[in-house]
Amino acid sequence: MDVRNNRRDTTGASVITANRLLDGRTVWLTQQGWSEQIAHARIFDNADVEDAIKQAKATPDARKLVGIYGVQLDPSAAGISPLTMRERIRAFGPSVHPDFAPVEISHVH
């Protein structure tokens, strides 16, 4: 198991991600190849994702990628959303995106 996968539950679902060597962009494995949009990602049962990662690493496209690994999905999210903040930033970032801003705290004067 890839070290980044060590927190994946035995149940649940995951997607497969990597970075494109040409430009460093985050990409997601789809039914037809790789996409910059996580919304297009193929979803795997966690029980099957390790085999799918091995298959993805064995394809000719893998020569154009670095760091192919699985990302567990948040089962309570609407749509495809990674479980961890790190992976949500990779999927939807950048970290300065309004969705990642800290909650405003009102100050008493």
Protein backbone atom coordinates (compact mmCIF):
# COMPACT_ATOMS: atom_id res chain seq x y z
CA MET A 1 0.00 0.00 0.00
CA ASP A 2 1.30 3.46 -0.89
CA VAL A 3 2.19 5.47 2.22
CA ARG A 4 -0.37 8.12 1.29
CA ASN A 5 -3.04 5.43 1.41
CA ASN A 6 -2.33 4.29 4.96
CA ARG A 7 -5.39 6.07 6.34
CA ARG A 8 -7.89 4.65 3.87
CA ASP A 9 -10.76 2.70 5.43
CA THR A 10 -11.37 -0.87 4.33
CA THR A 11 -14.89 0.19 3.35
CA GLY A 12 -15.85 3.26 1.40
CA ALA A 13 -14.70 4.59 -1.93
CA SER A 14 -11.66 6.26 -3.47
CA VAL A 15 -10.49 7.92 -6.65
CA ILE A 16 -7.00 7.79 -8.17
CA THR A 17 -4.91 10.90 -8.62
CA ALA A 18 -1.47 11.94 -9.87
CA ASN A 19 0.40 14.99 -11.09
CA ARG A 20 1.13 15.53 -14.76
CA LEU A 21 4.88 15.83 -15.43
CA LEU A 22 4.44 18.38 -18.22
CA ASP A 23 2.90 21.10 -16.05
CA GLY A 24 2.48 19.70 -12.52
CA ARG A 25 -1.32 19.81 -12.70
CA THR A 26 -3.35 17.50 -10.49
CA VAL A 27 -5.18 14.91 -12.58
CA TRP A 28 -7.77 12.24 -11.78
CA LEU A 29 -8.21 8.83 -13.39
CA THR A 30 -11.44 8.56 -15.40
CA GLN A 31 -12.98 5.77 -17.47
CA GLN A 32 -11.23 7.20 -20.56
CA GLY A 33 -7.88 8.41 -19.17
CA TRP A 34 -6.96 11.38 -16.99
CA SER A 35 -8.84 14.63 -16.33
CA GLU A 36 -8.08 17.84 -14.44
CA GLN A 37 -11.63 17.66 -13.02
CA ILE A 38 -12.27 15.43 -10.01
CA ALA A 39 -15.96 15.43 -11.03
CA HIS A 40 -14.97 13.16 -13.95
CA ALA A 41 -13.00 10.72 -11.78
CA ARG A 42 -13.78 7.04 -11.76
CA ILE A 43 -14.82 5.84 -8.29
CA PHE A 44 -13.41 2.60 -6.88
CA ASP A 45 -14.39 0.59 -3.84
CA ASN A 46 -11.55 0.82 -1.33
CA ALA A 47 -11.21 -2.96 -1.52
CA ASP A 48 -10.35 -2.65 -5.25
CA VAL A 49 -8.36 0.57 -5.43
CA GLU A 50 -4.89 -0.94 -4.81
CA ASP A 51 -5.27 -3.19 -7.86
CA ALA A 52 -6.54 -0.23 -9.89
CA ILE A 53 -3.50 1.85 -8.84
CA LYS A 54 -1.17 -0.96 -9.98
CA GLN A 55 -2.99 -1.10 -13.33
CA ALA A 56 -2.80 2.69 -13.73
CA LYS A 57 0.94 2.63 -13.03
CA ALA A 58 1.41 -0.06 -15.71
CA THR A 59 -0.19 1.94 -18.55
CA PRO A 60 1.76 3.97 -21.12
CA ASP A 61 0.13 7.15 -19.72
CA ALA A 62 1.94 6.56 -16.42
CA ARG A 63 5.19 7.77 -18.04
CA LYS A 64 3.60 11.23 -18.25
CA LEU A 65 2.61 11.25 -14.56
CA VAL A 66 4.19 11.24 -11.14
CA GLY A 67 2.81 10.14 -7.78
CA ILE A 68 -0.13 7.93 -8.74
CA TYR A 69 -2.12 7.09 -5.60
CA GLY A 70 -5.60 6.64 -4.19
CA VAL A 71 -7.64 9.28 -2.37
CA GLN A 72 -10.46 8.28 -0.06
CA LEU A 73 -13.75 10.07 -0.62
CA ASP A 74 -15.89 11.71 2.04
CA PRO A 75 -18.99 9.51 2.33
CA SER A 76 -21.07 12.38 3.74
CA ALA A 77 -20.26 14.84 0.94
CA ALA A 78 -22.60 15.66 -1.91
CA GLY A 79 -20.74 14.64 -5.05
CA ILE A 80 -17.11 13.58 -5.31
CA SER A 81 -15.10 15.16 -2.50
CA PRO A 82 -11.89 13.90 -0.88
CA LEU A 83 -11.98 13.09 2.81
CA THR A 84 -8.85 15.03 3.82
CA MET A 85 -8.26 18.78 3.60
CA ARG A 86 -4.98 18.23 1.72
CA GLU A 87 -6.75 16.34 -1.04
CA ARG A 88 -9.68 18.78 -1.14
CA ILE A 89 -7.16 21.58 -1.74
CA ARG A 90 -5.54 19.53 -4.54
CA ALA A 91 -8.99 18.90 -6.05
CA PHE A 92 -10.62 22.29 -5.61
CA GLY A 93 -7.80 24.67 -4.52
CA PRO A 94 -5.88 26.81 -4.37
CA SER A 95 -5.80 27.19 -0.60
CA VAL A 96 -6.71 30.88 -0.99
CA HIS A 97 -10.02 29.79 -2.51
CA PRO A 98 -12.96 31.17 -0.43
CA ASP A 99 -14.10 27.64 0.48
CA PHE A 100 -10.85 27.17 2.46
CA ALA A 101 -10.90 30.54 4.27
CA PRO A 102 -11.05 30.40 8.06
CA VAL A 103 -14.34 31.30 9.68
CA GLU A 104 -14.48 34.97 10.61
CA ILE A 105 -14.38 35.67 14.28
CA SER A 106 -16.12 38.84 15.41
CA HIS A 107 -14.03 40.97 17.71
CA VAL A 108 -15.46 42.75 20.72
CA HIS A 109 -14.34 46.35 20.95
